[in-house]
C-alpha atoms as a PDB file:
ATOM      1  CA  UNK A   1       0.028  -0.074  -0.111  1.00  0.00           C
ATOM      2  CA  UNK A   2       1.531   3.405  -0.802  1.00  0.00           C
ATOM      3  CA  UNK A   3       1.030   6.417   1.509  1.00  0.00           C
ATOM      4  CA  UNK A   4       0.809  10.165   0.190  1.00  0.00           C
ATOM      5  CA  UNK A   5       0.154  13.392   2.397  1.00  0.00           C
ATOM      6  CA  UNK A   6      -2.148  16.078   1.166  1.00  0.00           C
ATOM      7  CA  UNK A   7      -2.503  19.506   2.299  1.00  0.00           C
ATOM      8  CA  UNK A   8      -6.303  20.100   1.469  1.00  0.00           C
ATOM      9  CA  UNK A   9      -8.358  23.436   1.541  1.00  0.00           C
ATOM     10  CA  UNK A  10     -11.091  23.685   4.138  1.00  0.00           C
ATOM     11  CA  UNK A  11     -13.750  24.120   1.183  1.00  0.00           C
ATOM     12  CA  UNK A  12     -12.955  20.507  -0.251  1.00  0.00           C
ATOM     13  CA  UNK A  13     -11.910  18.702   2.979  1.00  0.00           C
ATOM     14  CA  UNK A  14     -15.299  17.443   3.579  1.00  0.00           C
ATOM     15  CA  UNK A  15     -16.102  16.393   0.064  1.00  0.00           C
ATOM     16  CA  UNK A  16     -12.275  14.638  -0.456  1.00  0.00           C
ATOM     17  CA  UNK A  17     -13.073  12.732   2.846  1.00  0.00           C
ATOM     18  CA  UNK A  18     -16.771  11.733   1.951  1.00  0.00           C
ATOM     19  CA  UNK A  19     -15.118  10.353  -1.781  1.00  0.00           C
ATOM     20  CA  UNK A  20     -12.409   8.553   0.562  1.00  0.00           C
ATOM     21  CA  UNK A  21     -14.779   7.030   2.825  1.00  0.00           C
ATOM     22  CA  UNK A  22     -16.463   5.092  -0.078  1.00  0.00           C
ATOM     23  CA  UNK A  23     -13.454   3.009  -0.348  1.00  0.00           C
ATOM     24  CA  UNK A  24     -13.217   0.159   1.903  1.00  0.00           C
ATOM     25  CA  UNK A  25     -10.277   0.113   4.866  1.00  0.00           C
ATOM     26  CA  UNK A  26      -8.487  -2.773   2.660  1.00  0.00           C
ATOM     27  CA  UNK A  27      -8.203   0.248   0.027  1.00  0.00           C
ATOM     28  CA  UNK A  28      -8.030   3.342   1.475  1.00  0.00           C
ATOM     29  CA  UNK A  29      -6.812   4.254   4.949  1.00  0.00           C
ATOM     30  CA  UNK A  30      -6.717   7.572   6.324  1.00  0.00           C
ATOM     31  CA  UNK A  31      -3.650   7.912   8.656  1.00  0.00           C
ATOM     32  CA  UNK A  32      -2.627  11.042  10.225  1.00  0.00           C
ATOM     33  CA  UNK A  33       0.941  12.554  11.001  1.00  0.00           C
ATOM     34  CA  UNK A  34       0.665  11.716  14.761  1.00  0.00           C
ATOM     35  CA  UNK A  35      -0.267   8.250  13.896  1.00  0.00           C
ATOM     36  CA  UNK A  36       2.849   7.663  11.899  1.00  0.00           C
ATOM     37  CA  UNK A  37       5.132   9.262  14.277  1.00  0.00           C
ATOM     38  CA  UNK A  38       3.829   7.192  16.815  1.00  0.00           C
ATOM     39  CA  UNK A  39       3.863   4.302  14.426  1.00  0.00           C
ATOM     40  CA  UNK A  40       8.037   5.191  13.906  1.00  0.00           C
ATOM     41  CA  UNK A  41       8.323   5.300  17.623  1.00  0.00           C
ATOM     42  CA  UNK A  42       6.790   2.189  18.319  1.00  0.00           C
ATOM     43  CA  UNK A  43       8.690   0.340  15.959  1.00  0.00           C
ATOM     44  CA  UNK A  44      11.935   1.540  17.014  1.00  0.00           C
ATOM     45  CA  UNK A  45      10.968   0.620  20.713  1.00  0.00           C
ATOM     46  CA  UNK A  46      10.305  -2.826  19.525  1.00  0.00           C
ATOM     47  CA  UNK A  47      13.340  -3.490  17.526  1.00  0.00           C
ATOM     48  CA  UNK A  48      15.243  -1.988  20.540  1.00  0.00           C
ATOM     49  CA  UNK A  49      13.400  -4.967  22.856  1.00  0.00           C
ATOM     50  CA  UNK A  50      14.242  -7.541  20.180  1.00  0.00           C
ATOM     51  CA  UNK A  51      17.886  -6.618  20.020  1.00  0.00           C
ATOM     52  CA  UNK A  52      18.355  -7.075  23.712  1.00  0.00           C
ATOM     53  CA  UNK A  53      19.481  -3.124  24.182  1.00  0.00           C
ATOM     54  CA  UNK A  54      16.176  -2.258  25.823  1.00  0.00           C
ATOM     55  CA  UNK A  55      16.268  -1.583  29.759  1.00  0.00           C
ATOM     56  CA  UNK A  56      13.517  -2.700  31.982  1.00  0.00           C
ATOM     57  CA  UNK A  57      12.615  -1.644  35.417  1.00  0.00           C
ATOM     58  CA  UNK A  58      10.382  -2.930  38.047  1.00  0.00           C
ATOM     59  CA  UNK A  59       7.676  -0.601  39.702  1.00  0.00           C
ATOM     60  CA  UNK A  60       9.214  -0.152  42.765  1.00  0.00           C
ATOM     61  CA  UNK A  61      12.578   1.111  40.872  1.00  0.00           C
ATOM     62  CA  UNK A  62      10.498   3.364  38.432  1.00  0.00           C
ATOM     63  CA  UNK A  63       8.561   4.557  41.557  1.00  0.00           C
ATOM     64  CA  UNK A  64      11.567   5.758  43.085  1.00  0.00           C
ATOM     65  CA  UNK A  65      13.094   6.966  40.003  1.00  0.00           C
ATOM     66  CA  UNK A  66      10.301   9.057  40.110  1.00  0.00           C
ATOM     67  CA  UNK A  67      10.174  10.576  43.174  1.00  0.00           C
ATOM     68  CA  UNK A  68      13.875  11.369  42.841  1.00  0.00           C
ATOM     69  CA  UNK A  69      13.077  13.535  39.673  1.00  0.00           C
ATOM     70  CA  UNK A  70       9.948  15.233  41.436  1.00  0.00           C
ATOM     71  CA  UNK A  71      11.818  15.986  44.774  1.00  0.00           C
ATOM     72  CA  UNK A  72      14.799  17.233  42.574  1.00  0.00           C
ATOM     73  CA  UNK A  73      12.480  19.776  40.734  1.00  0.00           C
ATOM     74  CA  UNK A  74       9.904  20.602  43.406  1.00  0.00           C
ATOM     75  CA  UNK A  75      11.673  22.924  45.424  1.00  0.00           C
ATOM     76  CA  UNK A  76      12.620  25.213  42.425  1.00  0.00           C
ATOM     77  CA  UNK A  77       9.260  25.949  41.337  1.00  0.00           C
END
């Protein structure tokens, strides 16, 4: 499937979306920039996990790190 990006004037946007909605999801899928950036980010994270380079933390470790970070900055406000 090919991906294209369009800039569409407000006055034709609704007509274009109506036209595109006539196609099935297997033919046309509408994706936003946010979707693409999220997908790319998640793929990078998955690749890191699969390669064994990812670091994992327990809930207790994460809570401790969060508390340390909050205490570091809470007095500066």
